[in-house]
Each structure stands twice: as structure tokens, then as C-alpha cells.
Amino acid sequence: MSSSSRREAKTFKDLGLSQWVVDVCSSLEITKPTLIQRLAIPAILDGKNVVGASKTGSGKTAAFALPILQKLSKDPFGVFAVILTPVRELAVQITEQFEALSKPIDGQITCVVGGTSLLPQINQIHDRPHIVVATPGRLAEILNGDSSLVDAFAHTEFLVLDEADRLLVSGSGFESSIADIMRALPGKAKRQTLLFTATLSDNVMALQDRYGEDSMPLLDANPSSDLPTNLRLRYVFIPAMVRMAYLNYLVCQKFSEDSMIIFTATLRSCQLVASTLEKLGVSVAALHSLQDQRRRTASLGKFRNAKVRVLVATDVASRGLDIPQVGVVLNYELPTSPDDFVHRAGRTARAGRKGDAVSIVTEGDVKLVKSVEERMGVVGEDGTLIMGGQAPGV
């Protein structure tokens, strides 16, 4: 199927998927393929390695899950595919999607992440599930601790790096774990390697260069701007000393009816903001990396199910997580990277909905705001600013 034909395909059947796959999509009310799905599914079915680039909320998981499951149905064995992702919650989410999509073929899916008991995960891999969804550190720990498990991965057909830009960034801490996992897998000539990302970082493009464009085509479904057109970027310019007071105004007055994710730069700020809002009577949950997996899952579940209106989080929640209908993203503290700003803002204005990304900008943040605008190719426009000292009138 040519590139133009893929872009124009209107149904999953047009993309070469089997009827059982089309039917399971229909049962889950997935009826029309997104652009990244139209680009990636035929290429993966054709046996290609791919780099798939698409904004958050665009159906990237189904773009690789559907062709993997179709191929699995024709030759089922374990471990057929390994999916690596940097965040535990995203691994759980991907596992749930694979479980739902693979029901007709009784797919055996295992989630391997830290923060939970190690022994059950070891036993599950001994049973050779069809799909292993994992964070790199935990899977490497298991493989290094029990060499007999390496054999389970000797014939793996697929390696998927989801949020590849984060997994491949130098200094991320994932490098050694991914290297350990790669040693257990067949060589790249004997498996398909699929990279999916919202951001085409230098590290992602460097890996594509090693494969070559013919062997690993770039499938870019991103618009010219990384942010949705229905997202409003808004700033609050204030002195740092009154940051908490303006947070109170924004949460309790300006956006008092909206579901909201508040991002902080540090664990300490996350705990402080959550406890302060709780004392003010706001229904709030916190999400950060020092929580055990049970507490993180509980916090995320409360927010997803609208049992709390506000989720205060570090950047653990900024990538890939499927959190529907977030009305406002509020940067209590700006991230140091423009790319992280994009990922935070991408939690709202998803699936065609409107949303606001509001950033508190203090005296030390102006250069970072400029770098974000340069990265996005946009600048603040009239009406997008909530000006310090004028907020109550906006």
C-alpha cells in the first residue's frame, strides 16, 4: 500500500487487518483509524521496522498493538513481543489495551514493572506469555537475576519502544537496562523494531539512521505544531513569592469547575501543593515517583473516575497516560525542557476537545517561556495571558 493510499484509508479493513481484528475494534467503539494508525499498521504488517511520530491521544498504542496481534494470531507463541515504556502507569495502560484487543485470541499479556512484587512477575515470564509489557529496569532485573528466563525471549518477533524519545535520551538511566534486554532478544535482522514517540528527538533519529530510511521509515503524523489547535496557551506573570496565592485563585475561582492536572518540578512541591489544596477543601490526589505502585494506581484511578477534581503530579504523569477529559493543565512550576512542556500541555485538548494550558511564570522563567515558544513556533497572543495583578478580572 502506497503512502498516499494509507493516508486515504477509511476503515481498518482497508489497512489489511483481518476481520476478527476489525470486529474487536468495533466492539470497543474504535471505528475509524487515526492518521498514525493508517500510516503504521500496513507498514508493520509488511514486516517493516518503523518510527511512528504522533501527538498524545492519537491512538499510537493501537497502531502497533493491532498488527502485532494479527501476526500473533497466525503463529501464537511466547514471548512474541516485548513492549518497553518508561513509566509504570503507561505500562499498565498498554497492558489493559492489549488485553482488551486480544480477547478473541485469548492473548496472554504480562505487565512487568517496579513497585510491585517481583516473584509473581518472574513466574509469569516462566509461563511464556505472548506479550510482555515492561519498564526497562524491572525487566532487566528479572533477566539478570534468572538466566534461565533468557530462553523465553530467544524467538521474540517484536521489540516496541513506546515514548522512545524518553527511553533513548542520554543520561536517562534506561541505557544499561535496555542494553541488557537487547542481549536477550534476537538480532535486529530477526525481529521488527518499532519506535513510537510524540517527539522526534535527536536520539530517535540517530537510531533510525543506523537502520536506514529504507529499513526503518519515518511515519510522521504530527501536525506542523505539536500542540492541538484547540488548546489555549495562557500565562500568569507573577513574583515567585505569591505563587501559592495565585494557585489558590486559579484552582478555586478561575477554573473552579474544571478537572485539572497541576504539574510541579519537584516531589516536595507536589506534596506541598496537594496538602495545601486539601486544606482549602479541594478534592485532590497526588502522583509522584516515590509512591509505591498501589498508591500511584489509586491516585490515578480517583482522578480518572472523577472522584477527585485535581491531580497534582510530577512529570511521571506527563507522557502517554490516557486521562480523558482534562479541562486544564496548570504548570505550578515550569519544566526545564521545552519538550516536557509539550508533553504536559498534551494532557488536555485531546480528541478534539478544547482545553487550557496555564503556566505560572515568575521572574526566573522568562527565558524558558521564550525557548518554549521557539520550540513550538508560536508566541503568546492577545487574550492568552492572565496577567499578574489583573487575574480576578479575567
Foldseek 3Di string as FASTA:
>chain_A
DDPVQLQPDWFPVSLVADPLLSVLCVVVVNTGAFQLLSRQQNCVLVVFAAEGADAFQRPPLCSPLRNQLRVCLVPPFFQAEEEEEAFLLLLVVSQVVSCSSNVVVPFFEEEFEPLDDLVVNLVSLVVGGHYYYYYLVRVLVSCVVDVVSLVRQAQHAEYEYEQVVLLQDPPNPNVVSVVSVQVSHDDCVRHHYYYYHNDCDPRNVVVCVVCDCVRYPYRYPADLFSDDPQEFEEEEEDAPVCLLVVVCCVCCPVPVPFQEEEEEADPVVQVVNQVVVVVVVAFEAEAEDVDRPVRNVVRLVCSLVVVGRYYYYYLSPQPRRDRPRGAEYEYSDDDPDLVSVSSSSSNPCHPNDHHYYYYYAHPVCPVVLVVNCVVRVHDHDPPRYCYPPRNVVD
